[in-house]
Structures are given as C-alpha cells and as structure tokens.
C-alpha cells in the first residue's frame, strides 16, 4: 500500500536551512542535495521499511527509521496512514536521542 509522505514545518525548515548553508558555496550543489533528498523521501511511499530502524531513537518500536544521503541524516516515522519526515540533520552534528 502506498502511503502519503508528509513534511511537518520543522523538517521543512531543516531542509531549507541545509539548502541555504550549501548554497553559500554552490547553489547548484544545494539544489542537487535538496532534489535528491526530496526524491528519496518520495520513494518511501512505496517501500517505507527499506531503511533500518533509527538506532538513536530511545524505545524505538521500529516505526522510526533513518538513512543518510549527501551527509544528511533523514529520520522518518512510519504510521498506519502516512510517513512523517521527522528531521533532516547534517551527519557532522552530534546525534540527538529523542
């Protein structure tokens, strides 16, 4: 079953901040990273369990999953109705337990 992928405002702002940061060096690279991240999250709709459970999520019931792309870590939650993008963080940042 294909699920809807939802980007809450917090995750949207994190992606925008990443784009802004990268564009200070290269607007083209910023566009590529943003495009690739958006495409990768769209693919989750058809196969949400393609990536492993998030090892940084405390008491993770398996619904929180994560993967890395272009040195960004994308965390998402799989629910019965949708996939929620939880956060987008650069891999050099200290991982947060949540």
PDB file of N, CA and C in Angstrom:
ATOM      1  N   UNK A   1       0.835  -1.180   0.000  1.00  0.00           N
ATOM      2  CA  UNK A   1       0.000   0.000   0.000  1.00  0.00           C
ATOM      3  C   UNK A   1       0.885   1.250   0.000  1.00  0.00           C
ATOM      4  N   UNK A   2       0.626   2.170  -0.889  1.00  0.00           N
ATOM      5  CA  UNK A   2       1.383   3.413  -0.977  1.00  0.00           C
ATOM      6  C   UNK A   2       0.844   4.388   0.064  1.00  0.00           C
ATOM      7  N   UNK A   3       1.753   4.957   0.843  1.00  0.00           N
ATOM      8  CA  UNK A   3       1.371   5.908   1.890  1.00  0.00           C
ATOM      9  C   UNK A   3       1.784   7.315   1.488  1.00  0.00           C
ATOM     10  N   UNK A   4       1.107   8.287   2.041  1.00  0.00           N
ATOM     11  CA  UNK A   4       1.454   9.688   1.813  1.00  0.00           C
ATOM     12  C   UNK A   4       2.688  10.034   2.641  1.00  0.00           C
ATOM     13  N   UNK A   5       3.582  10.836   2.063  1.00  0.00           N
ATOM     14  CA  UNK A   5       4.754  11.322   2.786  1.00  0.00           C
ATOM     15  C   UNK A   5       4.468  12.766   3.188  1.00  0.00           C
ATOM     16  N   UNK A   6       4.560  13.039   4.484  1.00  0.00           N
ATOM     17  CA  UNK A   6       4.249  14.374   4.996  1.00  0.00           C
ATOM     18  C   UNK A   6       5.502  15.016   5.593  1.00  0.00           C
ATOM     19  N   UNK A   7       5.711  16.279   5.249  1.00  0.00           N
ATOM     20  CA  UNK A   7       6.826  17.064   5.764  1.00  0.00           C
ATOM     21  C   UNK A   7       6.285  18.112   6.739  1.00  0.00           C
ATOM     22  N   UNK A   8       6.350  17.875   8.049  1.00  0.00           N
ATOM     23  CA  UNK A   8       5.942  18.914   9.001  1.00  0.00           C
ATOM     24  C   UNK A   8       6.843  20.147   8.861  1.00  0.00           C
ATOM     25  N   UNK A   9       6.374  21.266   9.351  1.00  0.00           N
ATOM     26  CA  UNK A   9       7.087  22.532   9.205  1.00  0.00           C
ATOM     27  C   UNK A   9       8.526  22.457   9.726  1.00  0.00           C
ATOM     28  N   UNK A  10       8.732  21.790  10.837  1.00  0.00           N
ATOM     29  CA  UNK A  10      10.080  21.690  11.420  1.00  0.00           C
ATOM     30  C   UNK A  10      11.058  21.040  10.433  1.00  0.00           C
ATOM     31  N   UNK A  11      10.652  19.940   9.820  1.00  0.00           N
ATOM     32  CA  UNK A  11      11.516  19.251   8.856  1.00  0.00           C
ATOM     33  C   UNK A  11      11.716  20.104   7.605  1.00  0.00           C
ATOM     34  N   UNK A  12      10.680  20.814   7.185  1.00  0.00           N
ATOM     35  CA  UNK A  12      10.808  21.706   6.029  1.00  0.00           C
ATOM     36  C   UNK A  12      11.851  22.786   6.301  1.00  0.00           C
ATOM     37  N   UNK A  13      11.812  23.343   7.506  1.00  0.00           N
ATOM     38  CA  UNK A  13      12.773  24.385   7.880  1.00  0.00           C
ATOM     39  C   UNK A  13      14.193  23.830   7.936  1.00  0.00           C
ATOM     40  N   UNK A  14      14.342  22.604   8.411  1.00  0.00           N
ATOM     41  CA  UNK A  14      15.670  21.991   8.474  1.00  0.00           C
ATOM     42  C   UNK A  14      16.240  21.778   7.076  1.00  0.00           C
ATOM     43  N   UNK A  15      15.394  21.350   6.142  1.00  0.00           N
ATOM     44  CA  UNK A  15      15.850  21.171   4.762  1.00  0.00           C
ATOM     45  C   UNK A  15      16.193  22.520   4.138  1.00  0.00           C
ATOM     46  N   UNK A  16      15.386  23.536   4.404  1.00  0.00           N
ATOM     47  CA  UNK A  16      15.654  24.877   3.876  1.00  0.00           C
ATOM     48  C   UNK A  16      16.969  25.427   4.431  1.00  0.00           C
ATOM     49  N   UNK A  17      17.227  25.169   5.702  1.00  0.00           N
ATOM     50  CA  UNK A  17      18.474  25.623   6.322  1.00  0.00           C
ATOM     51  C   UNK A  17      19.677  24.920   5.692  1.00  0.00           C
ATOM     52  N   UNK A  18      19.544  23.634   5.422  1.00  0.00           N
ATOM     53  CA  UNK A  18      20.620  22.888   4.765  1.00  0.00           C
ATOM     54  C   UNK A  18      20.875  23.465   3.373  1.00  0.00           C
ATOM     55  N   UNK A  19      19.805  23.744   2.646  1.00  0.00           N
ATOM     56  CA  UNK A  19      19.922  24.322   1.302  1.00  0.00           C
ATOM     57  C   UNK A  19      20.637  25.665   1.371  1.00  0.00           C
ATOM     58  N   UNK A  20      20.239  26.485   2.321  1.00  0.00           N
ATOM     59  CA  UNK A  20      20.847  27.808   2.488  1.00  0.00           C
ATOM     60  C   UNK A  20      22.338  27.686   2.793  1.00  0.00           C
ATOM     61  N   UNK A  21      22.686  26.766   3.676  1.00  0.00           N
ATOM     62  CA  UNK A  21      24.088  26.571   4.055  1.00  0.00           C
ATOM     63  C   UNK A  21      24.932  26.115   2.853  1.00  0.00           C
ATOM     64  N   UNK A  22      24.448  25.144   2.118  1.00  0.00           N
ATOM     65  CA  UNK A  22      25.195  24.626   0.966  1.00  0.00           C
ATOM     66  C   UNK A  22      25.308  25.684  -0.123  1.00  0.00           C
ATOM     67  N   UNK A  23      24.257  26.483  -0.300  1.00  0.00           N
ATOM     68  CA  UNK A  23      24.251  27.464  -1.390  1.00  0.00           C
ATOM     69  C   UNK A  23      25.264  28.583  -1.183  1.00  0.00           C
ATOM     70  N   UNK A  24      25.789  28.740   0.037  1.00  0.00           N
ATOM     71  CA  UNK A  24      26.833  29.745   0.234  1.00  0.00           C
ATOM     72  C   UNK A  24      28.098  29.364  -0.535  1.00  0.00           C
ATOM     73  N   UNK A  25      28.284  28.065  -0.770  1.00  0.00           N
ATOM     74  CA  UNK A  25      29.412  27.586  -1.572  1.00  0.00           C
ATOM     75  C   UNK A  25      29.005  27.323  -3.018  1.00  0.00           C
ATOM     76  N   UNK A  26      27.842  26.709  -3.200  1.00  0.00           N
ATOM     77  CA  UNK A  26      27.413  26.340  -4.551  1.00  0.00           C
ATOM     78  C   UNK A  26      25.895  26.183  -4.602  1.00  0.00           C
ATOM     79  N   UNK A  27      25.252  27.069  -5.337  1.00  0.00           N
ATOM     80  CA  UNK A  27      23.799  26.985  -5.482  1.00  0.00           C
ATOM     81  C   UNK A  27      23.408  25.697  -6.201  1.00  0.00           C
ATOM     82  N   UNK A  28      24.197  25.302  -7.195  1.00  0.00           N
ATOM     83  CA  UNK A  28      23.896  24.071  -7.939  1.00  0.00           C
ATOM     84  C   UNK A  28      23.943  22.846  -7.027  1.00  0.00           C
ATOM     85  N   UNK A  29      24.954  22.780  -6.176  1.00  0.00           N
ATOM     86  CA  UNK A  29      25.046  21.656  -5.242  1.00  0.00           C
ATOM     87  C   UNK A  29      23.883  21.669  -4.254  1.00  0.00           C
ATOM     88  N   UNK A  30      23.506  22.863  -3.806  1.00  0.00           N
ATOM     89  CA  UNK A  30      22.379  22.979  -2.878  1.00  0.00           C
ATOM     90  C   UNK A  30      21.102  22.453  -3.520  1.00  0.00           C
ATOM     91  N   UNK A  31      20.882  22.806  -4.772  1.00  0.00           N
ATOM     92  CA  UNK A  31      19.701  22.333  -5.491  1.00  0.00           C
ATOM     93  C   UNK A  31      19.734  20.815  -5.659  1.00  0.00           C
ATOM     94  N   UNK A  32      20.910  20.274  -5.964  1.00  0.00           N
ATOM     95  CA  UNK A  32      21.032  18.824  -6.151  1.00  0.00           C
ATOM     96  C   UNK A  32      20.739  18.076  -4.856  1.00  0.00           C
ATOM     97  N   UNK A  33      21.310  18.537  -3.758  1.00  0.00           N
ATOM     98  CA  UNK A  33      21.088  17.877  -2.466  1.00  0.00           C
ATOM     99  C   UNK A  33      19.606  17.930  -2.104  1.00  0.00           C
ATOM    100  N   UNK A  34      19.002  19.095  -2.250  1.00  0.00           N
ATOM    101  CA  UNK A  34      17.575  19.242  -1.933  1.00  0.00           C
ATOM    102  C   UNK A  34      16.724  18.319  -2.803  1.00  0.00           C
ATOM    103  N   UNK A  35      17.008  18.320  -4.095  1.00  0.00           N
ATOM    104  CA  UNK A  35      16.250  17.478  -5.031  1.00  0.00           C
ATOM    105  C   UNK A  35      16.406  16.001  -4.678  1.00  0.00           C
ATOM    106  N   UNK A  36      17.631  15.581  -4.413  1.00  0.00           N
ATOM    107  CA  UNK A  36      17.886  14.173  -4.090  1.00  0.00           C
ATOM    108  C   UNK A  36      17.197  13.748  -2.791  1.00  0.00           C
ATOM    109  N   UNK A  37      17.217  14.625  -1.793  1.00  0.00           N
ATOM    110  CA  UNK A  37      16.547  14.300  -0.533  1.00  0.00           C
ATOM    111  C   UNK A  37      15.041  14.192  -0.750  1.00  0.00           C
ATOM    112  N   UNK A  38      14.467  15.142  -1.479  1.00  0.00           N
ATOM    113  CA  UNK A  38      13.022  15.094  -1.736  1.00  0.00           C
ATOM    114  C   UNK A  38      12.637  13.841  -2.520  1.00  0.00           C
ATOM    115  N   UNK A  39      13.428  13.497  -3.530  1.00  0.00           N
ATOM    116  CA  UNK A  39      13.143  12.283  -4.305  1.00  0.00           C
ATOM    117  C   UNK A  39      13.253  11.030  -3.436  1.00  0.00           C
ATOM    118  N   UNK A  40      14.257  10.998  -2.574  1.00  0.00           N
ATOM    119  CA  UNK A  40      14.433   9.816  -1.719  1.00  0.00           C
ATOM    120  C   UNK A  40      13.262   9.651  -0.760  1.00  0.00           C
ATOM    121  N   UNK A  41      12.713  10.759  -0.270  1.00  0.00           N
ATOM    122  CA  UNK A  41      11.578  10.640   0.651  1.00  0.00           C
ATOM    123  C   UNK A  41      10.309  10.244  -0.093  1.00  0.00           C
ATOM    124  N   UNK A  42      10.174  10.647  -1.335  1.00  0.00           N
ATOM    125  CA  UNK A  42       9.007  10.224  -2.122  1.00  0.00           C
ATOM    126  C   UNK A  42       9.016   8.714  -2.352  1.00  0.00           C
ATOM    127  N   UNK A  43      10.202   8.155  -2.505  1.00  0.00           N
ATOM    128  CA  UNK A  43      10.318   6.706  -2.716  1.00  0.00           C
ATOM    129  C   UNK A  43       9.881   5.913  -1.484  1.00  0.00           C
ATOM    130  N   UNK A  44       9.903   6.552  -0.328  1.00  0.00           N
ATOM    131  CA  UNK A  44       9.473   5.880   0.899  1.00  0.00           C
ATOM    132  C   UNK A  44       7.995   5.507   0.843  1.00  0.00           C
ATOM    133  N   UNK A  45       7.215   6.238   0.070  1.00  0.00           N
ATOM    134  CA  UNK A  45       5.772   5.997  -0.011  1.00  0.00           C
ATOM    135  C   UNK A  45       5.466   4.561  -0.420  1.00  0.00           C
ATOM    136  N   UNK A  46       6.254   4.027  -1.330  1.00  0.00           N
ATOM    137  CA  UNK A  46       6.015   2.669  -1.831  1.00  0.00           C
ATOM    138  C   UNK A  46       6.697   1.599  -0.981  1.00  0.00           C
ATOM    139  N   UNK A  47       7.798   1.960  -0.333  1.00  0.00           N
ATOM    140  CA  UNK A  47       8.548   0.971   0.445  1.00  0.00           C
ATOM    141  C   UNK A  47       9.109   1.622   1.716  1.00  0.00           C
ATOM    142  N   UNK A  48       8.258   1.904   2.699  1.00  0.00           N
ATOM    143  CA  UNK A  48       8.698   2.649   3.880  1.00  0.00           C
ATOM    144  C   UNK A  48       9.695   1.921   4.779  1.00  0.00           C
ATOM    145  N   UNK A  49       9.789   0.615   4.661  1.00  0.00           N
ATOM    146  CA  UNK A  49      10.688  -0.124   5.545  1.00  0.00           C
ATOM    147  C   UNK A  49      12.002  -0.492   4.866  1.00  0.00           C
ATOM    148  N   UNK A  50      12.339   0.239   3.811  1.00  0.00           N
ATOM    149  CA  UNK A  50      13.577  -0.020   3.077  1.00  0.00           C
ATOM    150  C   UNK A  50      14.813   0.274   3.942  1.00  0.00           C
ATOM    151  N   UNK A  51      14.700   1.222   4.872  1.00  0.00           N
ATOM    152  CA  UNK A  51      15.832   1.594   5.724  1.00  0.00           C
ATOM    153  C   UNK A  51      15.656   1.014   7.126  1.00  0.00           C
ATOM    154  N   UNK A  52      16.756   0.854   7.859  1.00  0.00           N
ATOM    155  CA  UNK A  52      16.687   0.232   9.187  1.00  0.00           C
ATOM    156  C   UNK A  52      16.056   1.154  10.236  1.00  0.00           C
ATOM    157  N   UNK A  53      15.620   0.568  11.348  1.00  0.00           N
ATOM    158  CA  UNK A  53      15.116   1.381  12.457  1.00  0.00           C
ATOM    159  C   UNK A  53      16.198   2.349  12.942  1.00  0.00           C
ATOM    160  N   UNK A  54      15.769   3.499  13.439  1.00  0.00           N
ATOM    161  CA  UNK A  54      16.683   4.537  13.906  1.00  0.00           C
ATOM    162  C   UNK A  54      17.338   4.106  15.216  1.00  0.00           C
ATOM    163  N   UNK A  55      18.653   3.956  15.191  1.00  0.00           N
ATOM    164  CA  UNK A  55      19.387   3.494  16.375  1.00  0.00           C
ATOM    165  C   UNK A  55      19.490   4.562  17.464  1.00  0.00           C
ATOM    166  N   UNK A  56      19.208   5.814  17.132  1.00  0.00           N
ATOM    167  CA  UNK A  56      19.285   6.888  18.121  1.00  0.00           C
ATOM    168  C   UNK A  56      17.947   7.165  18.805  1.00  0.00           C
ATOM    169  N   UNK A  57      16.887   6.562  18.343  1.00  0.00           N
ATOM    170  CA  UNK A  57      15.562   6.759  18.948  1.00  0.00           C
ATOM    171  C   UNK A  57      15.442   5.860  20.170  1.00  0.00           C
ATOM    172  N   UNK A  58      15.248   6.477  21.338  1.00  0.00           N
ATOM    173  CA  UNK A  58      15.084   5.681  22.550  1.00  0.00           C
ATOM    174  C   UNK A  58      13.719   5.008  22.535  1.00  0.00           C
ATOM    175  N   UNK A  59      13.693   3.779  22.974  1.00  0.00           N
ATOM    176  CA  UNK A  59      12.461   2.980  22.996  1.00  0.00           C
ATOM    177  C   UNK A  59      11.777   2.945  21.633  1.00  0.00           C
ATOM    178  N   UNK A  60      12.564   2.798  20.597  1.00  0.00           N
ATOM    179  CA  UNK A  60      12.016   2.755  19.238  1.00  0.00           C
ATOM    180  C   UNK A  60      11.251   1.453  19.029  1.00  0.00           C
ATOM    181  N   UNK A  61      10.001   1.585  18.668  1.00  0.00           N
ATOM    182  CA  UNK A  61       9.172   0.405  18.402  1.00  0.00           C
ATOM    183  C   UNK A  61       9.346  -0.095  16.966  1.00  0.00           C
ATOM    184  N   UNK A  62      10.294   0.508  16.248  1.00  0.00           N
ATOM    185  CA  UNK A  62      10.543   0.129  14.862  1.00  0.00           C
ATOM    186  C   UNK A  62       9.876   1.051  13.865  1.00  0.00           C
ATOM    187  N   UNK A  63       9.038   1.959  14.348  1.00  0.00           N
ATOM    188  CA  UNK A  63       8.345   2.867  13.432  1.00  0.00           C
ATOM    189  C   UNK A  63       9.220   4.049  13.029  1.00  0.00           C
ATOM    190  N   UNK A  64      10.259   4.349  13.809  1.00  0.00           N
ATOM    191  CA  UNK A  64      11.187   5.423  13.462  1.00  0.00           C
ATOM    192  C   UNK A  64      12.363   4.815  12.712  1.00  0.00           C
ATOM    193  N   UNK A  65      12.620   5.328  11.529  1.00  0.00           N
ATOM    194  CA  UNK A  65      13.683   4.798  10.675  1.00  0.00           C
ATOM    195  C   UNK A  65      14.556   5.951  10.198  1.00  0.00           C
ATOM    196  N   UNK A  66      15.763   5.622   9.724  1.00  0.00           N
ATOM    197  CA  UNK A  66      16.686   6.676   9.315  1.00  0.00           C
ATOM    198  C   UNK A  66      17.632   6.183   8.228  1.00  0.00           C
ATOM    199  N   UNK A  67      18.119   7.142   7.444  1.00  0.00           N
ATOM    200  CA  UNK A  67      19.122   6.846   6.422  1.00  0.00           C
ATOM    201  C   UNK A  67      19.923   8.110   6.157  1.00  0.00           C
ATOM    202  N   UNK A  68      21.052   7.953   5.491  1.00  0.00           N
ATOM    203  CA  UNK A  68      21.922   9.083   5.172  1.00  0.00           C
ATOM    204  C   UNK A  68      22.029   9.258   3.671  1.00  0.00           C
ATOM    205  N   UNK A  69      22.053  10.524   3.278  1.00  0.00           N
ATOM    206  CA  UNK A  69      22.187  10.889   1.870  1.00  0.00           C
ATOM    207  C   UNK A  69      22.908  12.226   1.797  1.00  0.00           C
ATOM    208  N   UNK A  70      23.986  12.300   1.036  1.00  0.00           N
ATOM    209  CA  UNK A  70      24.777  13.536   0.907  1.00  0.00           C
ATOM    210  C   UNK A  70      25.179  14.094   2.273  1.00  0.00           C
ATOM    211  N   UNK A  71      25.568  13.224   3.165  1.00  0.00           N
ATOM    212  CA  UNK A  71      25.993  13.599   4.520  1.00  0.00           C
ATOM    213  C   UNK A  71      24.871  14.225   5.353  1.00  0.00           C
ATOM    214  N   UNK A  72      23.637  13.968   4.959  1.00  0.00           N
ATOM    215  CA  UNK A  72      22.480  14.381   5.759  1.00  0.00           C
ATOM    216  C   UNK A  72      21.758  13.136   6.234  1.00  0.00           C
ATOM    217  N   UNK A  73      21.315  13.189   7.466  1.00  0.00           N
ATOM    218  CA  UNK A  73      20.590  12.061   8.066  1.00  0.00           C
ATOM    219  C   UNK A  73      19.110  12.402   8.075  1.00  0.00           C
ATOM    220  N   UNK A  74      18.319  11.593   7.422  1.00  0.00           N
ATOM    221  CA  UNK A  74      16.884  11.806   7.319  1.00  0.00           C
ATOM    222  C   UNK A  74      16.201  10.792   8.234  1.00  0.00           C
ATOM    223  N   UNK A  75      15.409  11.290   9.166  1.00  0.00           N
ATOM    224  CA  UNK A  75      14.677  10.442  10.105  1.00  0.00           C
ATOM    225  C   UNK A  75      13.199  10.558   9.768  1.00  0.00           C
ATOM    226  N   UNK A  76      12.528   9.418   9.738  1.00  0.00           N
ATOM    227  CA  UNK A  76      11.097   9.432   9.439  1.00  0.00           C
ATOM    228  C   UNK A  76      10.370   8.414  10.297  1.00  0.00           C
ATOM    229  N   UNK A  77       9.073   8.625  10.442  1.00  0.00           N
ATOM    230  CA  UNK A  77       8.232   7.707  11.209  1.00  0.00           C
ATOM    231  C   UNK A  77       7.173   7.123  10.289  1.00  0.00           C
ATOM    232  N   UNK A  78       7.015   5.820  10.375  1.00  0.00           N
ATOM    233  CA  UNK A  78       6.009   5.122   9.581  1.00  0.00           C
ATOM    234  C   UNK A  78       4.794   4.884  10.477  1.00  0.00           C
ATOM    235  N   UNK A  79       3.641   5.419  10.072  1.00  0.00           N
ATOM    236  CA  UNK A  79       2.398   5.169  10.798  1.00  0.00           C
ATOM    237  C   UNK A  79       1.492   4.326   9.903  1.00  0.00           C
ATOM    238  N   UNK A  80       0.323   4.001  10.388  1.00  0.00           N
ATOM    239  CA  UNK A  80      -0.591   3.180   9.589  1.00  0.00           C
ATOM    240  C   UNK A  80      -1.088   3.920   8.354  1.00  0.00           C
ATOM    241  N   UNK A  81      -1.130   5.263   8.411  1.00  0.00           N
ATOM    242  CA  UNK A  81      -1.687   6.032   7.297  1.00  0.00           C
ATOM    243  C   UNK A  81      -0.668   6.811   6.483  1.00  0.00           C
ATOM    244  N   UNK A  82       0.469   7.155   7.097  1.00  0.00           N
ATOM    245  CA  UNK A  82       1.406   8.042   6.411  1.00  0.00           C
ATOM    246  C   UNK A  82       2.837   7.836   6.888  1.00  0.00           C
ATOM    247  N   UNK A  83       3.731   8.540   6.199  1.00  0.00           N
ATOM    248  CA  UNK A  83       5.144   8.579   6.570  1.00  0.00           C
ATOM    249  C   UNK A  83       5.447  10.031   6.907  1.00  0.00           C
ATOM    250  N   UNK A  84       5.958  10.260   8.086  1.00  0.00           N
ATOM    251  CA  UNK A  84       6.231  11.614   8.549  1.00  0.00           C
ATOM    252  C   UNK A  84       7.737  11.824   8.586  1.00  0.00           C
ATOM    253  N   UNK A  85       8.208  12.840   7.875  1.00  0.00           N
ATOM    254  CA  UNK A  85       9.628  13.190   7.927  1.00  0.00           C
ATOM    255  C   UNK A  85       9.840  13.935   9.245  1.00  0.00           C
ATOM    256  N   UNK A  86      10.646  13.360  10.119  1.00  0.00           N
ATOM    257  CA  UNK A  86      10.822  13.900  11.465  1.00  0.00           C
ATOM    258  C   UNK A  86      11.909  14.964  11.497  1.00  0.00           C
ATOM    259  N   UNK A  87      13.046  14.679  10.855  1.00  0.00           N
ATOM    260  CA  UNK A  87      14.141  15.658  10.875  1.00  0.00           C
ATOM    261  C   UNK A  87      15.135  15.388   9.764  1.00  0.00           C
ATOM    262  N   UNK A  88      15.870  16.456   9.430  1.00  0.00           N
ATOM    263  CA  UNK A  88      16.962  16.393   8.460  1.00  0.00           C
ATOM    264  C   UNK A  88      18.144  17.085   9.130  1.00  0.00           C
ATOM    265  N   UNK A  89      19.208  16.316   9.403  1.00  0.00           N
ATOM    266  CA  UNK A  89      20.374  16.863  10.107  1.00  0.00           C
ATOM    267  C   UNK A  89      21.658  16.461   9.392  1.00  0.00           C
ATOM    268  N   UNK A  90      22.637  17.344   9.430  1.00  0.00           N
ATOM    269  CA  UNK A  90      23.936  17.024   8.860  1.00  0.00           C
ATOM    270  C   UNK A  90      24.596  15.968   9.740  1.00  0.00           C
ATOM    271  N   UNK A  91      25.296  15.034   9.123  1.00  0.00           N
ATOM    272  CA  UNK A  91      25.894  13.924   9.878  1.00  0.00           C
ATOM    273  C   UNK A  91      27.025  14.376  10.802  1.00  0.00           C
ATOM    274  N   UNK A  92      27.576  15.568  10.584  1.00  0.00           N
ATOM    275  CA  UNK A  92      28.637  16.049  11.470  1.00  0.00           C
ATOM    276  C   UNK A  92      28.076  16.580  12.789  1.00  0.00           C
ATOM    277  N   UNK A  93      26.771  16.789  12.853  1.00  0.00           N
ATOM    278  CA  UNK A  93      26.146  17.262  14.088  1.00  0.00           C
ATOM    279  C   UNK A  93      26.063  16.110  15.085  1.00  0.00           C
ATOM    280  N   UNK A  94      26.151  16.452  16.344  1.00  0.00           N
ATOM    281  CA  UNK A  94      26.034  15.447  17.402  1.00  0.00           C
ATOM    282  C   UNK A  94      24.648  14.810  17.319  1.00  0.00           C
ATOM    283  N   UNK A  95      24.586  13.474  17.262  1.00  0.00           N
ATOM    284  CA  UNK A  95      23.264  12.841  17.177  1.00  0.00           C
ATOM    285  C   UNK A  95      22.442  13.121  18.430  1.00  0.00           C
ATOM    286  N   UNK A  96      21.167  13.329  18.220  1.00  0.00           N
ATOM    287  CA  UNK A  96      20.265  13.578  19.344  1.00  0.00           C
ATOM    288  C   UNK A  96      19.471  12.325  19.644  1.00  0.00           C
ATOM    289  N   UNK A  97      19.366  12.030  20.907  1.00  0.00           N
ATOM    290  CA  UNK A  97      18.433  10.982  21.339  1.00  0.00           C
ATOM    291  C   UNK A  97      17.087  11.680  21.473  1.00  0.00           C
ATOM    292  N   UNK A  98      16.046  11.017  21.078  1.00  0.00           N
ATOM    293  CA  UNK A  98      14.717  11.630  21.180  1.00  0.00           C
ATOM    294  C   UNK A  98      13.682  10.585  21.463  1.00  0.00           C
TER     295      UNK A  98
END
